[in-house]
Amino acid sequence: MQMYQSDVLQMRNIKLFAVRVNIREFAFYFAKNPAEVQVEHQKIYGNLPKKMSNAYNQMIDRSFYFPESKQYKSFRDLLAETVEFPKYVCTLEASI
């Protein structure tokens, strides 16, 4: 299990990263590495992320409702639909 979570074999080329935007919000990105996330985050928010986490294991199967398409989709579904990386995925509010 530990080898799977740490991706020792490098089988997961694209990872899901979370960046804290403010006290209640996190921005999510699909990218190969943290450097790609830094570039994307700076393009969108105008600053470098202070802290980021690899959220793949915790969040990849979480589903969210998208009102524009009237569907629930998981990050795994969104990853399968994405063709260009790095990619800003969404911003979500943390439930505290």
N, C-alpha and C. Protein backbone atom coordinates (compact mmCIF):
# COMPACT_ATOMS: atom_id res chain seq x y z
N MET A 1 0.83 -1.20 0.00
CA MET A 1 0.00 0.00 0.00
C MET A 1 0.87 1.26 0.00
N GLN A 2 1.94 1.26 0.79
CA GLN A 2 2.80 2.43 0.86
C GLN A 2 3.46 2.71 -0.50
N MET A 3 3.87 1.65 -1.22
CA MET A 3 4.48 1.85 -2.54
C MET A 3 3.47 2.47 -3.50
N TYR A 4 2.21 2.03 -3.40
CA TYR A 4 1.17 2.58 -4.27
C TYR A 4 0.97 4.07 -3.98
N GLN A 5 0.86 4.42 -2.70
CA GLN A 5 0.60 5.81 -2.34
C GLN A 5 1.75 6.73 -2.71
N SER A 6 2.98 6.25 -2.57
CA SER A 6 4.12 7.11 -2.90
C SER A 6 4.47 7.05 -4.38
N ASP A 7 3.82 6.17 -5.15
CA ASP A 7 4.02 6.03 -6.59
C ASP A 7 5.48 5.77 -6.92
N VAL A 8 6.08 4.83 -6.19
CA VAL A 8 7.48 4.48 -6.36
C VAL A 8 7.78 4.06 -7.80
N LEU A 9 6.88 3.35 -8.42
CA LEU A 9 7.11 2.86 -9.78
C LEU A 9 6.81 3.90 -10.85
N GLN A 10 6.40 5.10 -10.44
CA GLN A 10 6.10 6.20 -11.36
C GLN A 10 5.05 5.79 -12.41
N MET A 11 4.00 5.10 -11.95
CA MET A 11 2.94 4.68 -12.86
C MET A 11 1.91 5.78 -13.08
N ARG A 12 1.86 6.73 -12.18
CA ARG A 12 0.93 7.86 -12.32
C ARG A 12 1.72 9.04 -12.85
N ASN A 13 1.64 9.24 -14.14
CA ASN A 13 2.37 10.34 -14.77
C ASN A 13 1.79 11.69 -14.36
N ILE A 14 0.47 11.77 -14.32
CA ILE A 14 -0.21 13.03 -13.97
C ILE A 14 -0.76 12.89 -12.56
N LYS A 15 -0.50 13.90 -11.76
CA LYS A 15 -0.95 13.90 -10.37
C LYS A 15 -1.97 15.02 -10.16
N LEU A 16 -2.67 14.96 -9.06
CA LEU A 16 -3.63 15.99 -8.67
C LEU A 16 -3.03 16.77 -7.51
N PHE A 17 -2.84 18.06 -7.71
CA PHE A 17 -2.26 18.92 -6.68
C PHE A 17 -3.31 19.89 -6.14
N ALA A 18 -3.22 20.18 -4.86
CA ALA A 18 -4.09 21.17 -4.21
C ALA A 18 -3.22 22.31 -3.70
N VAL A 19 -3.68 23.54 -3.95
CA VAL A 19 -2.99 24.75 -3.50
C VAL A 19 -3.98 25.58 -2.71
N ARG A 20 -3.60 25.96 -1.50
CA ARG A 20 -4.48 26.81 -0.68
C ARG A 20 -4.50 28.21 -1.29
N VAL A 21 -5.69 28.68 -1.61
CA VAL A 21 -5.88 30.02 -2.18
C VAL A 21 -6.10 31.03 -1.06
N ASN A 22 -6.93 30.65 -0.11
CA ASN A 22 -7.17 31.46 1.09
C ASN A 22 -7.59 30.51 2.20
N ILE A 23 -8.07 31.06 3.29
CA ILE A 23 -8.37 30.22 4.46
C ILE A 23 -9.43 29.16 4.18
N ARG A 24 -10.31 29.39 3.20
CA ARG A 24 -11.41 28.46 2.95
C ARG A 24 -11.39 27.80 1.58
N GLU A 25 -10.48 28.19 0.68
CA GLU A 25 -10.52 27.68 -0.68
C GLU A 25 -9.20 27.04 -1.11
N PHE A 26 -9.36 26.00 -1.94
CA PHE A 26 -8.21 25.31 -2.52
C PHE A 26 -8.38 25.25 -4.02
N ALA A 27 -7.31 25.52 -4.75
CA ALA A 27 -7.30 25.36 -6.21
C ALA A 27 -6.68 24.00 -6.52
N PHE A 28 -7.24 23.31 -7.51
CA PHE A 28 -6.76 21.98 -7.88
C PHE A 28 -6.22 22.01 -9.30
N TYR A 29 -5.13 21.29 -9.49
CA TYR A 29 -4.44 21.24 -10.78
C TYR A 29 -4.05 19.81 -11.11
N PHE A 30 -4.10 19.47 -12.40
CA PHE A 30 -3.50 18.24 -12.89
C PHE A 30 -2.14 18.63 -13.46
N ALA A 31 -1.09 17.95 -13.03
CA ALA A 31 0.25 18.26 -13.51
C ALA A 31 1.19 17.10 -13.24
N LYS A 32 2.34 17.12 -13.90
CA LYS A 32 3.35 16.09 -13.68
C LYS A 32 4.15 16.34 -12.41
N ASN A 33 4.34 17.63 -12.09
CA ASN A 33 5.20 17.94 -10.94
C ASN A 33 4.83 19.31 -10.36
N PRO A 34 5.34 19.61 -9.17
CA PRO A 34 5.03 20.89 -8.52
C PRO A 34 5.45 22.12 -9.32
N ALA A 35 6.53 22.02 -10.09
CA ALA A 35 6.98 23.18 -10.88
C ALA A 35 5.93 23.60 -11.90
N GLU A 36 5.27 22.64 -12.52
CA GLU A 36 4.20 22.96 -13.47
C GLU A 36 3.03 23.65 -12.77
N VAL A 37 2.73 23.21 -11.56
CA VAL A 37 1.65 23.81 -10.79
C VAL A 37 1.99 25.27 -10.46
N GLN A 38 3.22 25.52 -10.08
CA GLN A 38 3.63 26.89 -9.76
C GLN A 38 3.41 27.83 -10.93
N VAL A 39 3.78 27.39 -12.13
CA VAL A 39 3.61 28.22 -13.33
C VAL A 39 2.13 28.49 -13.59
N GLU A 40 1.30 27.46 -13.56
CA GLU A 40 -0.14 27.62 -13.80
C GLU A 40 -0.79 28.51 -12.74
N HIS A 41 -0.44 28.27 -11.49
CA HIS A 41 -1.03 29.06 -10.40
C HIS A 41 -0.66 30.53 -10.54
N GLN A 42 0.56 30.81 -10.90
CA GLN A 42 0.98 32.20 -11.07
C GLN A 42 0.24 32.87 -12.23
N LYS A 43 0.00 32.12 -13.30
CA LYS A 43 -0.77 32.67 -14.43
C LYS A 43 -2.18 33.06 -14.00
N ILE A 44 -2.81 32.21 -13.18
CA ILE A 44 -4.21 32.42 -12.80
C ILE A 44 -4.37 33.39 -11.64
N TYR A 45 -3.56 33.23 -10.60
CA TYR A 45 -3.73 34.01 -9.37
C TYR A 45 -2.71 35.14 -9.20
N GLY A 46 -1.68 35.17 -10.03
CA GLY A 46 -0.71 36.26 -9.97
C GLY A 46 0.33 36.14 -8.87
N ASN A 47 0.37 34.99 -8.20
CA ASN A 47 1.39 34.79 -7.18
C ASN A 47 1.78 33.31 -7.14
N LEU A 48 2.94 33.06 -6.56
CA LEU A 48 3.39 31.68 -6.41
C LEU A 48 2.69 31.04 -5.22
N PRO A 49 2.35 29.77 -5.31
CA PRO A 49 1.72 29.11 -4.18
C PRO A 49 2.69 28.99 -3.01
N LYS A 50 2.19 29.26 -1.82
CA LYS A 50 3.02 29.15 -0.62
C LYS A 50 3.16 27.69 -0.21
N LYS A 51 2.10 26.92 -0.42
CA LYS A 51 2.11 25.51 -0.04
C LYS A 51 1.22 24.74 -1.00
N MET A 52 1.68 23.57 -1.39
CA MET A 52 0.85 22.71 -2.23
C MET A 52 0.99 21.28 -1.75
N SER A 53 -0.04 20.49 -2.04
CA SER A 53 -0.06 19.09 -1.62
C SER A 53 -0.42 18.21 -2.80
N ASN A 54 0.15 17.02 -2.83
CA ASN A 54 -0.28 16.02 -3.78
C ASN A 54 -1.56 15.43 -3.21
N ALA A 55 -2.69 15.70 -3.86
CA ALA A 55 -4.00 15.30 -3.34
C ALA A 55 -4.57 14.09 -4.07
N TYR A 56 -3.76 13.44 -4.86
CA TYR A 56 -4.25 12.34 -5.69
C TYR A 56 -4.96 11.27 -4.87
N ASN A 57 -4.27 10.70 -3.89
CA ASN A 57 -4.86 9.59 -3.12
C ASN A 57 -6.09 10.00 -2.33
N GLN A 58 -6.12 11.23 -1.83
CA GLN A 58 -7.24 11.68 -1.00
C GLN A 58 -8.45 12.12 -1.82
N MET A 59 -8.22 12.64 -3.02
CA MET A 59 -9.31 13.31 -3.72
C MET A 59 -9.71 12.73 -5.08
N ILE A 60 -8.93 11.83 -5.67
CA ILE A 60 -9.16 11.44 -7.06
C ILE A 60 -10.55 10.85 -7.29
N ASP A 61 -11.12 10.20 -6.31
CA ASP A 61 -12.45 9.60 -6.50
C ASP A 61 -13.59 10.41 -5.89
N ARG A 62 -13.30 11.60 -5.40
CA ARG A 62 -14.36 12.49 -4.88
C ARG A 62 -15.19 13.00 -6.04
N SER A 63 -16.50 12.98 -5.86
CA SER A 63 -17.41 13.46 -6.90
C SER A 63 -18.00 14.80 -6.51
N PHE A 64 -18.25 15.62 -7.52
CA PHE A 64 -18.82 16.95 -7.33
C PHE A 64 -19.90 17.17 -8.38
N TYR A 65 -20.89 17.98 -8.01
CA TYR A 65 -21.98 18.28 -8.94
C TYR A 65 -21.62 19.50 -9.76
N PHE A 66 -21.78 19.37 -11.08
CA PHE A 66 -21.52 20.47 -12.00
C PHE A 66 -22.85 20.92 -12.58
N PRO A 67 -23.38 22.06 -12.10
CA PRO A 67 -24.71 22.50 -12.54
C PRO A 67 -24.82 22.75 -14.04
N GLU A 68 -23.74 23.21 -14.68
CA GLU A 68 -23.82 23.51 -16.12
C GLU A 68 -24.08 22.25 -16.95
N SER A 69 -23.56 21.11 -16.51
CA SER A 69 -23.81 19.86 -17.23
C SER A 69 -24.83 18.96 -16.53
N LYS A 70 -25.25 19.39 -15.32
CA LYS A 70 -26.20 18.62 -14.51
C LYS A 70 -25.72 17.19 -14.27
N GLN A 71 -24.42 17.07 -13.96
CA GLN A 71 -23.82 15.76 -13.74
C GLN A 71 -22.89 15.81 -12.54
N TYR A 72 -22.72 14.64 -11.93
CA TYR A 72 -21.68 14.45 -10.93
C TYR A 72 -20.47 13.90 -11.64
N LYS A 73 -19.29 14.44 -11.32
CA LYS A 73 -18.05 13.95 -11.90
C LYS A 73 -16.99 13.90 -10.81
N SER A 74 -16.13 12.91 -10.90
CA SER A 74 -15.01 12.81 -9.97
C SER A 74 -13.77 13.42 -10.63
N PHE A 75 -12.74 13.65 -9.82
CA PHE A 75 -11.49 14.11 -10.39
C PHE A 75 -10.95 13.06 -11.38
N ARG A 76 -11.21 11.78 -11.11
CA ARG A 76 -10.78 10.73 -12.04
C ARG A 76 -11.46 10.90 -13.40
N ASP A 77 -12.77 11.22 -13.38
CA ASP A 77 -13.49 11.48 -14.63
C ASP A 77 -12.91 12.68 -15.36
N LEU A 78 -12.64 13.74 -14.61
CA LEU A 78 -12.09 14.96 -15.21
C LEU A 78 -10.70 14.71 -15.78
N LEU A 79 -9.91 13.90 -15.09
CA LEU A 79 -8.58 13.56 -15.59
C LEU A 79 -8.67 12.82 -16.91
N ALA A 80 -9.61 11.89 -17.01
CA ALA A 80 -9.79 11.13 -18.25
C ALA A 80 -10.22 12.03 -19.41
N GLU A 81 -10.91 13.12 -19.12
CA GLU A 81 -11.38 14.05 -20.16
C GLU A 81 -10.32 15.08 -20.55
N THR A 82 -9.28 15.22 -19.76
CA THR A 82 -8.27 16.26 -19.98
C THR A 82 -7.20 15.75 -20.93
N VAL A 83 -6.87 16.58 -21.92
CA VAL A 83 -5.87 16.16 -22.92
C VAL A 83 -4.58 16.98 -22.85
N GLU A 84 -4.62 18.12 -22.21
CA GLU A 84 -3.45 18.99 -22.15
C GLU A 84 -3.09 19.28 -20.70
N PHE A 85 -1.82 19.12 -20.39
CA PHE A 85 -1.34 19.31 -19.02
C PHE A 85 -0.16 20.27 -19.03
N PRO A 86 0.05 21.02 -17.98
CA PRO A 86 -0.72 21.10 -16.74
C PRO A 86 -2.06 21.76 -16.98
N LYS A 87 -2.99 21.53 -16.07
CA LYS A 87 -4.36 22.02 -16.23
C LYS A 87 -4.94 22.44 -14.89
N TYR A 88 -5.43 23.69 -14.83
CA TYR A 88 -6.22 24.13 -13.67
C TYR A 88 -7.55 23.39 -13.77
N VAL A 89 -7.99 22.79 -12.66
CA VAL A 89 -9.22 22.00 -12.67
C VAL A 89 -10.37 22.81 -12.09
N CYS A 90 -10.24 23.27 -10.85
CA CYS A 90 -11.31 24.00 -10.20
C CYS A 90 -10.83 24.56 -8.87
N THR A 91 -11.67 25.36 -8.26
CA THR A 91 -11.44 25.84 -6.90
C THR A 91 -12.60 25.35 -6.06
N LEU A 92 -12.29 24.76 -4.92
CA LEU A 92 -13.32 24.25 -4.02
C LEU A 92 -13.18 24.87 -2.65
N GLU A 93 -14.32 25.07 -2.01
CA GLU A 93 -14.34 25.60 -0.65
C GLU A 93 -14.20 24.45 0.33
N ALA A 94 -13.33 24.62 1.31
CA ALA A 94 -13.12 23.59 2.32
C ALA A 94 -14.29 23.61 3.30
N SER A 95 -14.66 22.43 3.75
CA SER A 95 -15.69 22.34 4.76
C SER A 95 -14.99 22.24 6.11
N ILE A 96 -15.10 23.30 6.89
CA ILE A 96 -14.41 23.36 8.18
C ILE A 96 -15.38 23.03 9.29
